[in-house]
Amino acid sequence: MRKLRLGTQTAAKVITDCLEDLGIKSNDEDMPRRRVLGILNDVIFNMFELSGWRDSNEYSVPEYIPIIRQVFSNAVAGSGYDSTPKRLTLPSTGSIVWTNCTGFNDYWLGAQIIITDTSLGLDYAMIIVTVEDENNVILIEANPANVPGDIAAIDLIVNGTTANNDSVNEASIFDLTQLSSYKQLYRIKRMTSDSVLGGRVLMPEPGKEEKFKKDFDGMLVSDNFADSMFAYWEGESLVQGKGANVNRFGNRTLYLVLSPAKCLSETDLVDVNDMNMQTVKKAVKVVINAALPPEKIRRAVSPEDITWWNELQASKAGKAEVKAQK
């Protein structure tokens, strides 16, 4: 499992070490520390892309879909059930337990919720049909013969889950922004599902994404893919499809590669394994000196280090050109 930050050194230490090695004072106006912080972040991302770090398990994490949301409330002040509009209210305050959310949202539409009237000792299975806001939803009875009346806060227990919400869980488009790690998402390495034999979900190979997307609609109806699931990443969405013999998308696991977390302040730990830190510092020093006018350079970096960094950047430019030609 990925650690939140891989390194034990703060950005402040890395910046200080680099400036001192170059003979630059920390208060030097020609190379302010805030600028070096930006250089550090850029260098780390470049190294991540070009050095093989992105293929290591250090930057990988599994995420599970469907994302199951839950809520539990027991006699919380401000809660209640009004039988006339069939509105359930759960306040933002109080000891309400939310899981994977902080209130109702559109992902609760169609989900089941059990409301209990403790004064009568009766449970009612309800379905959410409208989400008015994060505190209020409109319900209908799952069993029309079992209709609740008004329930006061002191008598109300609420137990809800989206686990059985097929309208969301089995949708062919999954909103990737729901993932806790979405902001750092670099690529989806692979995907599995318990609904297909062997678990493997077919996804495009690197560099062949456009062809996969063009073939996608044909795969949906092809006998060759009748027992398969397939998916691709498009913008903020995961587009999913299943062959004729696959009934459900089921429980899926996304194996994600995350970009290194940026250092937003000097107190942040650097998201690089300590054993790679010297390489990062070497690159940062090359970039710092390259950004300075020649007369402002106090201590030069070695020609070998400059050549190494330039060749690394050239390889990145070459890969970008090849990708653009495909």
C-alpha atoms as a PDB file:
ATOM      1  CA  MET A   1       0.000   0.000   0.000  1.00  0.00           C
ATOM      2  CA  ARG A   2       1.302   3.431  -0.946  1.00  0.00           C
ATOM      3  CA  LYS A   3       2.534   5.700   1.836  1.00  0.00           C
ATOM      4  CA  LEU A   4       1.182   9.251   1.865  1.00  0.00           C
ATOM      5  CA  ARG A   5       4.737  10.600   1.389  1.00  0.00           C
ATOM      6  CA  LEU A   6       7.648   8.340   0.508  1.00  0.00           C
ATOM      7  CA  GLY A   7      10.528  10.431   1.830  1.00  0.00           C
ATOM      8  CA  THR A   8      11.733  11.514   5.269  1.00  0.00           C
ATOM      9  CA  GLN A   9      13.271  14.809   4.125  1.00  0.00           C
ATOM     10  CA  THR A  10      11.284  18.032   4.020  1.00  0.00           C
ATOM     11  CA  ALA A  11      11.298  20.352   1.048  1.00  0.00           C
ATOM     12  CA  ALA A  12      13.075  22.884   3.274  1.00  0.00           C
ATOM     13  CA  LYS A  13      16.035  20.538   3.786  1.00  0.00           C
ATOM     14  CA  VAL A  14      16.310  19.691   0.097  1.00  0.00           C
ATOM     15  CA  ILE A  15      16.167  23.375  -0.887  1.00  0.00           C
ATOM     16  CA  THR A  16      18.761  24.367   1.733  1.00  0.00           C
ATOM     17  CA  ASP A  17      21.114  21.552   0.721  1.00  0.00           C
ATOM     18  CA  CYS A  18      20.920  22.516  -2.949  1.00  0.00           C
ATOM     19  CA  LEU A  19      21.424  26.236  -2.353  1.00  0.00           C
ATOM     20  CA  GLU A  20      24.353  25.632  -0.003  1.00  0.00           C
ATOM     21  CA  ASP A  21      26.013  23.259  -2.504  1.00  0.00           C
ATOM     22  CA  LEU A  22      25.766  26.016  -5.114  1.00  0.00           C
ATOM     23  CA  GLY A  23      27.051  28.725  -2.767  1.00  0.00           C
ATOM     24  CA  ILE A  24      23.715  30.577  -2.855  1.00  0.00           C
ATOM     25  CA  LYS A  25      22.379  32.209   0.302  1.00  0.00           C
ATOM     26  CA  SER A  26      18.843  31.382   1.394  1.00  0.00           C
ATOM     27  CA  ASN A  27      17.798  35.047   1.167  1.00  0.00           C
ATOM     28  CA  ASP A  28      19.309  35.566  -2.294  1.00  0.00           C
ATOM     29  CA  GLU A  29      16.919  37.583  -4.455  1.00  0.00           C
ATOM     30  CA  ASP A  30      18.267  36.001  -7.647  1.00  0.00           C
ATOM     31  CA  MET A  31      16.985  32.571  -6.593  1.00  0.00           C
ATOM     32  CA  PRO A  32      14.249  32.883  -3.946  1.00  0.00           C
ATOM     33  CA  ARG A  33      13.364  29.739  -2.055  1.00  0.00           C
ATOM     34  CA  ARG A  34       9.780  29.819  -3.344  1.00  0.00           C
ATOM     35  CA  ARG A  35      11.130  29.513  -6.876  1.00  0.00           C
ATOM     36  CA  VAL A  36      13.330  26.591  -5.857  1.00  0.00           C
ATOM     37  CA  LEU A  37      10.250  24.892  -4.379  1.00  0.00           C
ATOM     38  CA  GLY A  38       8.640  25.062  -7.829  1.00  0.00           C
ATOM     39  CA  ILE A  39      11.812  23.710  -9.442  1.00  0.00           C
ATOM     40  CA  LEU A  40      11.828  20.833  -6.940  1.00  0.00           C
ATOM     41  CA  ASN A  41       8.235  19.878  -7.805  1.00  0.00           C
ATOM     42  CA  ASP A  42       8.959  20.033 -11.553  1.00  0.00           C
ATOM     43  CA  VAL A  43      12.104  17.935 -11.206  1.00  0.00           C
ATOM     44  CA  ILE A  44      10.326  15.272  -9.164  1.00  0.00           C
ATOM     45  CA  PHE A  45       7.567  14.909 -11.770  1.00  0.00           C
ATOM     46  CA  ASN A  46      10.129  14.756 -14.594  1.00  0.00           C
ATOM     47  CA  MET A  47      12.084  12.076 -12.748  1.00  0.00           C
ATOM     48  CA  PHE A  48       8.856  10.193 -12.033  1.00  0.00           C
ATOM     49  CA  GLU A  49       8.025  10.084 -15.755  1.00  0.00           C
ATOM     50  CA  LEU A  50      11.478   9.367 -17.101  1.00  0.00           C
ATOM     51  CA  SER A  51      13.357   7.308 -14.525  1.00  0.00           C
ATOM     52  CA  GLY A  52      11.059   4.309 -14.113  1.00  0.00           C
ATOM     53  CA  TRP A  53       9.614   5.403 -10.765  1.00  0.00           C
ATOM     54  CA  ARG A  54       6.119   5.387 -12.240  1.00  0.00           C
ATOM     55  CA  ASP A  55       6.435   1.640 -12.868  1.00  0.00           C
ATOM     56  CA  SER A  56       7.351   0.854  -9.262  1.00  0.00           C
ATOM     57  CA  ASN A  57       4.826  -0.200  -6.638  1.00  0.00           C
ATOM     58  CA  GLU A  58       5.749   2.828  -4.531  1.00  0.00           C
ATOM     59  CA  TYR A  59       3.380   5.054  -6.519  1.00  0.00           C
ATOM     60  CA  SER A  60       0.626   2.449  -6.950  1.00  0.00           C
ATOM     61  CA  VAL A  61      -2.611   2.038  -5.024  1.00  0.00           C
ATOM     62  CA  PRO A  62      -5.759  -0.098  -5.445  1.00  0.00           C
ATOM     63  CA  GLU A  63      -9.182   1.573  -5.469  1.00  0.00           C
ATOM     64  CA  TYR A  64     -12.434  -0.353  -5.282  1.00  0.00           C
ATOM     65  CA  ILE A  65     -15.700   0.208  -7.118  1.00  0.00           C
ATOM     66  CA  PRO A  66     -18.517   0.432  -6.450  1.00  0.00           C
ATOM     67  CA  ILE A  67     -17.826   2.931  -3.694  1.00  0.00           C
ATOM     68  CA  ILE A  68     -20.233   1.964  -0.935  1.00  0.00           C
ATOM     69  CA  ARG A  69     -21.741   4.908   0.951  1.00  0.00           C
ATOM     70  CA  GLN A  70     -23.451   4.389   4.277  1.00  0.00           C
ATOM     71  CA  VAL A  71     -25.278   6.399   6.896  1.00  0.00           C
ATOM     72  CA  PHE A  72     -26.448   5.589  10.428  1.00  0.00           C
ATOM     73  CA  SER A  73     -28.444   7.847  12.719  1.00  0.00           C
ATOM     74  CA  ASN A  74     -30.033   7.056  16.080  1.00  0.00           C
ATOM     75  CA  ALA A  75     -32.402   9.584  17.689  1.00  0.00           C
ATOM     76  CA  VAL A  76     -30.313  12.566  16.531  1.00  0.00           C
ATOM     77  CA  ALA A  77     -31.784  15.981  17.313  1.00  0.00           C
ATOM     78  CA  GLY A  78     -32.986  17.726  14.153  1.00  0.00           C
ATOM     79  CA  SER A  79     -33.654  14.484  12.294  1.00  0.00           C
ATOM     80  CA  GLY A  80     -37.141  13.308  11.361  1.00  0.00           C
ATOM     81  CA  TYR A  81     -39.472  11.741   8.820  1.00  0.00           C
ATOM     82  CA  ASP A  82     -42.403  13.741   7.435  1.00  0.00           C
ATOM     83  CA  SER A  83     -44.930  11.370   5.860  1.00  0.00           C
ATOM     84  CA  THR A  84     -46.747  13.987   3.757  1.00  0.00           C
ATOM     85  CA  PRO A  85     -43.925  14.700   1.285  1.00  0.00           C
ATOM     86  CA  LYS A  86     -42.178  11.497   2.485  1.00  0.00           C
ATOM     87  CA  ARG A  87     -39.138  13.562   3.375  1.00  0.00           C
ATOM     88  CA  LEU A  88     -36.305  12.215   5.519  1.00  0.00           C
ATOM     89  CA  THR A  89     -34.161  14.857   7.196  1.00  0.00           C
ATOM     90  CA  LEU A  90     -30.719  14.265   8.667  1.00  0.00           C
ATOM     91  CA  PRO A  91     -28.998  17.403   9.997  1.00  0.00           C
ATOM     92  CA  SER A  92     -25.385  18.350   9.399  1.00  0.00           C
ATOM     93  CA  THR A  93     -24.796  18.434  13.141  1.00  0.00           C
ATOM     94  CA  GLY A  94     -25.086  15.601  15.644  1.00  0.00           C
ATOM     95  CA  SER A  95     -23.698  12.100  15.955  1.00  0.00           C
ATOM     96  CA  ILE A  96     -24.636  10.861  12.485  1.00  0.00           C
ATOM     97  CA  VAL A  97     -22.139   8.362  11.054  1.00  0.00           C
ATOM     98  CA  TRP A  98     -21.429   8.826   7.335  1.00  0.00           C
ATOM     99  CA  THR A  99     -19.134   6.495   5.383  1.00  0.00           C
ATOM    100  CA  ASN A 100     -17.516   7.642   2.104  1.00  0.00           C
ATOM    101  CA  CYS A 101     -19.584  10.825   2.102  1.00  0.00           C
ATOM    102  CA  THR A 102     -20.604  13.705   4.372  1.00  0.00           C
ATOM    103  CA  GLY A 103     -24.249  13.910   3.364  1.00  0.00           C
ATOM    104  CA  PHE A 104     -26.703  12.899   0.664  1.00  0.00           C
ATOM    105  CA  ASN A 105     -25.743  13.439  -2.994  1.00  0.00           C
ATOM    106  CA  ASP A 106     -26.850  12.156  -6.397  1.00  0.00           C
ATOM    107  CA  TYR A 107     -25.061   8.838  -5.845  1.00  0.00           C
ATOM    108  CA  TRP A 108     -27.754   8.020  -3.279  1.00  0.00           C
ATOM    109  CA  LEU A 109     -30.530   8.094  -5.893  1.00  0.00           C
ATOM    110  CA  GLY A 110     -32.183   4.665  -6.019  1.00  0.00           C
ATOM    111  CA  ALA A 111     -30.436   3.490  -2.849  1.00  0.00           C
ATOM    112  CA  GLN A 112     -32.249   1.639  -0.087  1.00  0.00           C
ATOM    113  CA  ILE A 113     -32.667   3.105   3.376  1.00  0.00           C
ATOM    114  CA  ILE A 114     -34.274   1.542   6.441  1.00  0.00           C
ATOM    115  CA  ILE A 115     -36.100   3.875   8.801  1.00  0.00           C
ATOM    116  CA  THR A 116     -37.200   2.573  12.193  1.00  0.00           C
ATOM    117  CA  ASP A 117     -39.938   3.985  14.406  1.00  0.00           C
ATOM    118  CA  THR A 118     -38.790   2.871  17.854  1.00  0.00           C
ATOM    119  CA  SER A 119     -42.066   3.984  19.446  1.00  0.00           C
ATOM    120  CA  LEU A 120     -43.838   1.305  17.388  1.00  0.00           C
ATOM    121  CA  GLY A 121     -40.948  -1.110  16.988  1.00  0.00           C
ATOM    122  CA  LEU A 122     -41.423  -1.123  13.201  1.00  0.00           C
ATOM    123  CA  ASP A 123     -38.893  -1.016  10.361  1.00  0.00           C
ATOM    124  CA  TYR A 124     -39.682   0.426   6.934  1.00  0.00           C
ATOM    125  CA  ALA A 125     -37.684  -0.306   3.778  1.00  0.00           C
ATOM    126  CA  MET A 126     -37.585   2.831   1.632  1.00  0.00           C
ATOM    127  CA  ILE A 127     -36.027   3.879  -1.678  1.00  0.00           C
ATOM    128  CA  ILE A 128     -34.526   7.336  -2.284  1.00  0.00           C
ATOM    129  CA  VAL A 129     -36.190   8.942  -5.328  1.00  0.00           C
ATOM    130  CA  THR A 130     -35.108  12.585  -4.917  1.00  0.00           C
ATOM    131  CA  VAL A 131     -32.080  14.189  -3.293  1.00  0.00           C
ATOM    132  CA  GLU A 132     -33.121  17.725  -2.343  1.00  0.00           C
ATOM    133  CA  ASP A 133     -29.822  18.630  -0.692  1.00  0.00           C
ATOM    134  CA  GLU A 134     -27.201  17.015   1.534  1.00  0.00           C
ATOM    135  CA  ASN A 135     -29.653  16.866   4.458  1.00  0.00           C
ATOM    136  CA  ASN A 136     -33.001  16.024   2.834  1.00  0.00           C
ATOM    137  CA  VAL A 137     -34.237  13.211   0.587  1.00  0.00           C
ATOM    138  CA  ILE A 138     -37.651  12.121  -0.664  1.00  0.00           C
ATOM    139  CA  LEU A 139     -38.493   8.427  -0.256  1.00  0.00           C
ATOM    140  CA  ILE A 140     -40.972   5.868  -1.525  1.00  0.00           C
ATOM    141  CA  GLU A 141     -41.906   2.610   0.147  1.00  0.00           C
ATOM    142  CA  ALA A 142     -40.173  -0.517  -1.142  1.00  0.00           C
ATOM    143  CA  ASN A 143     -43.316  -2.337   0.038  1.00  0.00           C
ATOM    144  CA  PRO A 144     -46.487  -0.264  -0.652  1.00  0.00           C
ATOM    145  CA  ALA A 145     -48.290  -2.170   2.118  1.00  0.00           C
ATOM    146  CA  ASN A 146     -45.777  -0.986   4.728  1.00  0.00           C
ATOM    147  CA  VAL A 147     -46.260   2.809   4.982  1.00  0.00           C
ATOM    148  CA  PRO A 148     -44.715   4.821   7.838  1.00  0.00           C
ATOM    149  CA  GLY A 149     -46.350   7.817   9.474  1.00  0.00           C
ATOM    150  CA  ASP A 150     -44.469  10.831  10.825  1.00  0.00           C
ATOM    151  CA  ILE A 151     -41.468   9.878  12.966  1.00  0.00           C
ATOM    152  CA  ALA A 152     -40.002  12.307  15.506  1.00  0.00           C
ATOM    153  CA  ALA A 153     -36.253  12.615  16.024  1.00  0.00           C
ATOM    154  CA  ILE A 154     -36.349  10.856  19.410  1.00  0.00           C
ATOM    155  CA  ASP A 155     -37.997   7.793  17.808  1.00  0.00           C
ATOM    156  CA  LEU A 156     -36.035   7.675  14.521  1.00  0.00           C
ATOM    157  CA  ILE A 157     -33.247   5.273  13.568  1.00  0.00           C
ATOM    158  CA  VAL A 158     -31.863   5.480  10.016  1.00  0.00           C
ATOM    159  CA  ASN A 159     -29.707   2.831   8.367  1.00  0.00           C
ATOM    160  CA  GLY A 160     -28.879   3.408   4.700  1.00  0.00           C
ATOM    161  CA  THR A 161     -26.452   2.081   2.111  1.00  0.00           C
ATOM    162  CA  THR A 162     -25.783   2.410  -1.607  1.00  0.00           C
ATOM    163  CA  ALA A 163     -24.511  -1.197  -1.762  1.00  0.00           C
ATOM    164  CA  ASN A 164     -27.654  -2.381  -3.528  1.00  0.00           C
ATOM    165  CA  ASN A 165     -27.973   0.679  -5.771  1.00  0.00           C
ATOM    166  CA  ASP A 166     -27.715  -0.938  -9.204  1.00  0.00           C
ATOM    167  CA  SER A 167     -28.648   2.290 -11.020  1.00  0.00           C
ATOM    168  CA  VAL A 168     -25.271   3.716  -9.938  1.00  0.00           C
ATOM    169  CA  ASN A 169     -23.140   0.628  -9.350  1.00  0.00           C
ATOM    170  CA  GLU A 170     -23.990  -0.940 -12.721  1.00  0.00           C
ATOM    171  CA  ALA A 171     -23.822   2.224 -14.818  1.00  0.00           C
ATOM    172  CA  SER A 172     -21.458   1.954 -17.774  1.00  0.00           C
ATOM    173  CA  ILE A 173     -19.902   5.346 -16.973  1.00  0.00           C
ATOM    174  CA  PHE A 174     -18.074   5.580 -13.650  1.00  0.00           C
ATOM    175  CA  ASP A 175     -17.157   9.039 -12.357  1.00  0.00           C
ATOM    176  CA  LEU A 176     -13.462   8.798 -11.460  1.00  0.00           C
ATOM    177  CA  THR A 177     -13.626  12.003  -9.404  1.00  0.00           C
ATOM    178  CA  GLN A 178     -15.309   9.891  -6.717  1.00  0.00           C
ATOM    179  CA  LEU A 179     -11.961   8.200  -6.050  1.00  0.00           C
ATOM    180  CA  SER A 180     -10.092   9.529  -3.040  1.00  0.00           C
ATOM    181  CA  SER A 181      -6.861   9.593  -5.058  1.00  0.00           C
ATOM    182  CA  TYR A 182      -8.301  11.143  -8.238  1.00  0.00           C
ATOM    183  CA  LYS A 183      -6.346  14.415  -8.043  1.00  0.00           C
ATOM    184  CA  GLN A 184      -3.072  12.481  -8.214  1.00  0.00           C
ATOM    185  CA  LEU A 185      -4.226   9.949 -10.814  1.00  0.00           C
ATOM    186  CA  TYR A 186      -1.526   9.453 -13.448  1.00  0.00           C
ATOM    187  CA  ARG A 187      -2.746   6.313 -15.177  1.00  0.00           C
ATOM    188  CA  ILE A 188      -4.802   3.172 -14.647  1.00  0.00           C
ATOM    189  CA  LYS A 189      -2.410   0.242 -14.714  1.00  0.00           C
ATOM    190  CA  ARG A 190      -5.050  -2.484 -14.838  1.00  0.00           C
ATOM    191  CA  MET A 191      -8.552  -3.401 -13.694  1.00  0.00           C
ATOM    192  CA  THR A 192     -10.167  -6.586 -12.397  1.00  0.00           C
ATOM    193  CA  SER A 193     -13.742  -7.717 -11.782  1.00  0.00           C
ATOM    194  CA  ASP A 194     -15.263 -10.699 -10.007  1.00  0.00           C
ATOM    195  CA  SER A 195     -17.833 -10.959 -12.832  1.00  0.00           C
ATOM    196  CA  VAL A 196     -15.455 -12.369 -15.445  1.00  0.00           C
ATOM    197  CA  LEU A 197     -13.440 -15.576 -15.514  1.00  0.00           C
ATOM    198  CA  GLY A 198      -9.896 -14.851 -14.407  1.00  0.00           C
ATOM    199  CA  GLY A 199     -10.926 -11.403 -13.225  1.00  0.00           C
ATOM    200  CA  ARG A 200      -9.088  -9.498 -15.955  1.00  0.00           C
ATOM    201  CA  VAL A 201     -10.794  -6.513 -17.563  1.00  0.00           C
ATOM    202  CA  LEU A 202      -9.495  -5.632 -21.042  1.00  0.00           C
ATOM    203  CA  MET A 203      -7.995  -2.134 -21.262  1.00  0.00           C
ATOM    204  CA  PRO A 204      -6.006  -0.350 -23.995  1.00  0.00           C
ATOM    205  CA  GLU A 205      -2.261  -0.805 -24.137  1.00  0.00           C
ATOM    206  CA  PRO A 206      -0.163   2.370 -23.790  1.00  0.00           C
ATOM    207  CA  GLY A 207      -0.139   4.210 -27.111  1.00  0.00           C
ATOM    208  CA  LYS A 208      -3.155   2.293 -28.462  1.00  0.00           C
ATOM    209  CA  GLU A 209      -5.913   4.166 -26.608  1.00  0.00           C
ATOM    210  CA  GLU A 210      -7.515   5.737 -29.694  1.00  0.00           C
ATOM    211  CA  LYS A 211      -7.794   2.440 -31.569  1.00  0.00           C
ATOM    212  CA  PHE A 212      -9.338   0.814 -28.481  1.00  0.00           C
ATOM    213  CA  LYS A 213     -11.967   3.574 -28.263  1.00  0.00           C
ATOM    214  CA  LYS A 214     -12.832   3.167 -31.956  1.00  0.00           C
ATOM    215  CA  ASP A 215     -13.226  -0.601 -31.524  1.00  0.00           C
ATOM    216  CA  PHE A 216     -15.219  -0.288 -28.283  1.00  0.00           C
ATOM    217  CA  ASP A 217     -18.766  -0.338 -29.741  1.00  0.00           C
ATOM    218  CA  GLY A 218     -17.908  -3.330 -31.912  1.00  0.00           C
ATOM    219  CA  MET A 219     -16.555  -5.219 -28.892  1.00  0.00           C
ATOM    220  CA  LEU A 220     -19.927  -4.817 -27.145  1.00  0.00           C
ATOM    221  CA  VAL A 221     -21.660  -6.970 -29.767  1.00  0.00           C
ATOM    222  CA  SER A 222     -18.787  -9.191 -30.876  1.00  0.00           C
ATOM    223  CA  ASP A 223     -18.964 -12.917 -30.095  1.00  0.00           C
ATOM    224  CA  ASN A 224     -15.209 -12.782 -29.454  1.00  0.00           C
ATOM    225  CA  PHE A 225     -15.818 -10.622 -26.383  1.00  0.00           C
ATOM    226  CA  ALA A 226     -19.067 -12.192 -25.153  1.00  0.00           C
ATOM    227  CA  ASP A 227     -17.408 -13.373 -21.919  1.00  0.00           C
ATOM    228  CA  SER A 228     -15.289 -10.250 -21.408  1.00  0.00           C
ATOM    229  CA  MET A 229     -15.409  -6.873 -19.738  1.00  0.00           C
ATOM    230  CA  PHE A 230     -13.536  -3.907 -21.148  1.00  0.00           C
ATOM    231  CA  ALA A 231     -12.939  -0.302 -20.114  1.00  0.00           C
ATOM    232  CA  TYR A 232     -10.975   2.840 -20.906  1.00  0.00           C
ATOM    233  CA  TRP A 233     -10.223   6.148 -19.215  1.00  0.00           C
ATOM    234  CA  GLU A 234     -11.791   9.225 -20.852  1.00  0.00           C
ATOM    235  CA  GLY A 235     -11.488  12.608 -19.135  1.00  0.00           C
ATOM    236  CA  GLU A 236     -13.036  12.289 -15.665  1.00  0.00           C
ATOM    237  CA  SER A 237     -14.793   9.032 -16.516  1.00  0.00           C
ATOM    238  CA  LEU A 238     -14.135   5.328 -16.737  1.00  0.00           C
ATOM    239  CA  VAL A 239     -16.113   4.013 -19.730  1.00  0.00           C
ATOM    240  CA  GLN A 240     -17.048   0.355 -19.194  1.00  0.00           C
ATOM    241  CA  GLY A 241     -18.573  -2.334 -21.379  1.00  0.00           C
ATOM    242  CA  LYS A 242     -19.456  -5.997 -21.013  1.00  0.00           C
ATOM    243  CA  GLY A 243     -20.040  -8.826 -23.443  1.00  0.00           C
ATOM    244  CA  ALA A 244     -23.373 -10.548 -23.975  1.00  0.00           C
ATOM    245  CA  ASN A 245     -22.621 -13.324 -21.475  1.00  0.00           C
ATOM    246  CA  VAL A 246     -21.564 -11.005 -18.632  1.00  0.00           C
ATOM    247  CA  ASN A 247     -24.533  -9.996 -16.477  1.00  0.00           C
ATOM    248  CA  ARG A 248     -22.971  -7.459 -14.111  1.00  0.00           C
ATOM    249  CA  PHE A 249     -19.950  -5.214 -13.827  1.00  0.00           C
ATOM    250  CA  GLY A 250     -19.678  -6.570 -10.286  1.00  0.00           C
ATOM    251  CA  ASN A 251     -17.034  -5.722  -7.721  1.00  0.00           C
ATOM    252  CA  ARG A 252     -14.088  -4.110  -9.457  1.00  0.00           C
ATOM    253  CA  THR A 253     -10.575  -3.113  -8.458  1.00  0.00           C
ATOM    254  CA  LEU A 254      -8.642  -0.367 -10.189  1.00  0.00           C
ATOM    255  CA  TYR A 255      -4.866  -0.536  -9.859  1.00  0.00           C
ATOM    256  CA  LEU A 256      -3.794   3.095 -10.146  1.00  0.00           C
ATOM    257  CA  VAL A 257      -0.480   4.848 -10.611  1.00  0.00           C
ATOM    258  CA  LEU A 258      -0.434   8.159  -8.749  1.00  0.00           C
ATOM    259  CA  SER A 259       1.732  11.168  -9.491  1.00  0.00           C
ATOM    260  CA  PRO A 260       4.079  12.233  -6.680  1.00  0.00           C
ATOM    261  CA  ALA A 261       2.357  14.592  -4.269  1.00  0.00           C
ATOM    262  CA  LYS A 262       3.487  18.198  -4.724  1.00  0.00           C
ATOM    263  CA  CYS A 263       5.241  20.083  -1.959  1.00  0.00           C
ATOM    264  CA  LEU A 264       2.970  23.078  -1.350  1.00  0.00           C
ATOM    265  CA  SER A 265       5.139  24.417   1.449  1.00  0.00           C
ATOM    266  CA  GLU A 266       8.653  23.830   2.711  1.00  0.00           C
ATOM    267  CA  THR A 267       7.346  21.848   5.673  1.00  0.00           C
ATOM    268  CA  ASP A 268       5.972  19.116   3.381  1.00  0.00           C
ATOM    269  CA  LEU A 269       7.866  15.862   3.142  1.00  0.00           C
ATOM    270  CA  VAL A 270       9.197  15.171  -0.344  1.00  0.00           C
ATOM    271  CA  ASP A 271       7.298  12.345  -2.072  1.00  0.00           C
ATOM    272  CA  VAL A 272      10.454  10.548  -3.195  1.00  0.00           C
ATOM    273  CA  ASN A 273      12.129   7.499  -1.692  1.00  0.00           C
ATOM    274  CA  ASP A 274      15.191   8.568   0.305  1.00  0.00           C
ATOM    275  CA  MET A 275      17.483   6.410  -1.820  1.00  0.00           C
ATOM    276  CA  ASN A 276      16.567   8.569  -4.855  1.00  0.00           C
ATOM    277  CA  MET A 277      16.991  11.902  -3.085  1.00  0.00           C
ATOM    278  CA  GLN A 278      20.585  12.519  -4.180  1.00  0.00           C
ATOM    279  CA  THR A 279      19.519  12.156  -7.808  1.00  0.00           C
ATOM    280  CA  VAL A 280      16.727  14.671  -7.246  1.00  0.00           C
ATOM    281  CA  LYS A 281      19.133  17.135  -5.645  1.00  0.00           C
ATOM    282  CA  LYS A 282      21.568  16.725  -8.526  1.00  0.00           C
ATOM    283  CA  ALA A 283      18.820  17.606 -11.012  1.00  0.00           C
ATOM    284  CA  VAL A 284      17.552  20.539  -8.934  1.00  0.00           C
ATOM    285  CA  LYS A 285      21.044  22.054  -8.844  1.00  0.00           C
ATOM    286  CA  VAL A 286      21.403  21.742 -12.628  1.00  0.00           C
ATOM    287  CA  VAL A 287      18.065  23.504 -13.166  1.00  0.00           C
ATOM    288  CA  ILE A 288      18.865  26.261 -10.633  1.00  0.00           C
ATOM    289  CA  ASN A 289      22.164  27.111 -12.292  1.00  0.00           C
ATOM    290  CA  ALA A 290      20.575  27.004 -15.748  1.00  0.00           C
ATOM    291  CA  ALA A 291      18.032  29.591 -14.563  1.00  0.00           C
ATOM    292  CA  LEU A 292      20.693  32.012 -13.312  1.00  0.00           C
ATOM    293  CA  PRO A 293      22.545  34.547 -15.483  1.00  0.00           C
ATOM    294  CA  PRO A 294      26.168  33.377 -15.962  1.00  0.00           C
ATOM    295  CA  GLU A 295      27.550  36.204 -13.812  1.00  0.00           C
ATOM    296  CA  LYS A 296      25.293  35.143 -10.912  1.00  0.00           C
ATOM    297  CA  ILE A 297      26.540  31.542 -10.772  1.00  0.00           C
ATOM    298  CA  ARG A 298      28.604  31.054  -7.590  1.00  0.00           C
ATOM    299  CA  ARG A 299      29.521  27.403  -7.954  1.00  0.00           C
ATOM    300  CA  ALA A 300      29.163  25.466 -11.190  1.00  0.00           C
ATOM    301  CA  VAL A 301      27.712  21.979 -11.487  1.00  0.00           C
ATOM    302  CA  SER A 302      29.692  19.340 -13.328  1.00  0.00           C
ATOM    303  CA  PRO A 303      29.451  19.049 -17.129  1.00  0.00           C
ATOM    304  CA  GLU A 304      28.532  15.376 -16.622  1.00  0.00           C
ATOM    305  CA  ASP A 305      25.496  16.344 -14.547  1.00  0.00           C
ATOM    306  CA  ILE A 306      24.382  18.879 -17.152  1.00  0.00           C
ATOM    307  CA  THR A 307      24.742  16.308 -19.947  1.00  0.00           C
ATOM    308  CA  TRP A 308      22.820  13.715 -17.929  1.00  0.00           C
ATOM    309  CA  TRP A 309      19.909  16.114 -17.320  1.00  0.00           C
ATOM    310  CA  ASN A 310      19.825  17.366 -20.925  1.00  0.00           C
ATOM    311  CA  GLU A 311      19.749  13.818 -22.250  1.00  0.00           C
ATOM    312  CA  LEU A 312      16.906  12.995 -19.882  1.00  0.00           C
ATOM    313  CA  GLN A 313      14.905  15.980 -21.186  1.00  0.00           C
ATOM    314  CA  ALA A 314      15.720  15.050 -24.771  1.00  0.00           C
ATOM    315  CA  SER A 315      14.326  11.558 -24.205  1.00  0.00           C
ATOM    316  CA  LYS A 316      11.105  13.118 -22.909  1.00  0.00           C
ATOM    317  CA  ALA A 317      10.817  15.345 -25.977  1.00  0.00           C
ATOM    318  CA  GLY A 318      11.446  12.352 -28.215  1.00  0.00           C
ATOM    319  CA  LYS A 319       8.716  10.303 -26.554  1.00  0.00           C
ATOM    320  CA  ALA A 320       6.273  13.203 -26.869  1.00  0.00           C
ATOM    321  CA  GLU A 321       7.023  13.512 -30.583  1.00  0.00           C
ATOM    322  CA  VAL A 322       6.512   9.796 -31.184  1.00  0.00           C
ATOM    323  CA  LYS A 323       3.201   9.921 -29.295  1.00  0.00           C
ATOM    324  CA  ALA A 324       2.032  12.919 -31.340  1.00  0.00           C
ATOM    325  CA  GLN A 325       2.763  11.051 -34.596  1.00  0.00           C
ATOM    326  CA  LYS A 326       0.642   8.027 -33.652  1.00  0.00           C
END
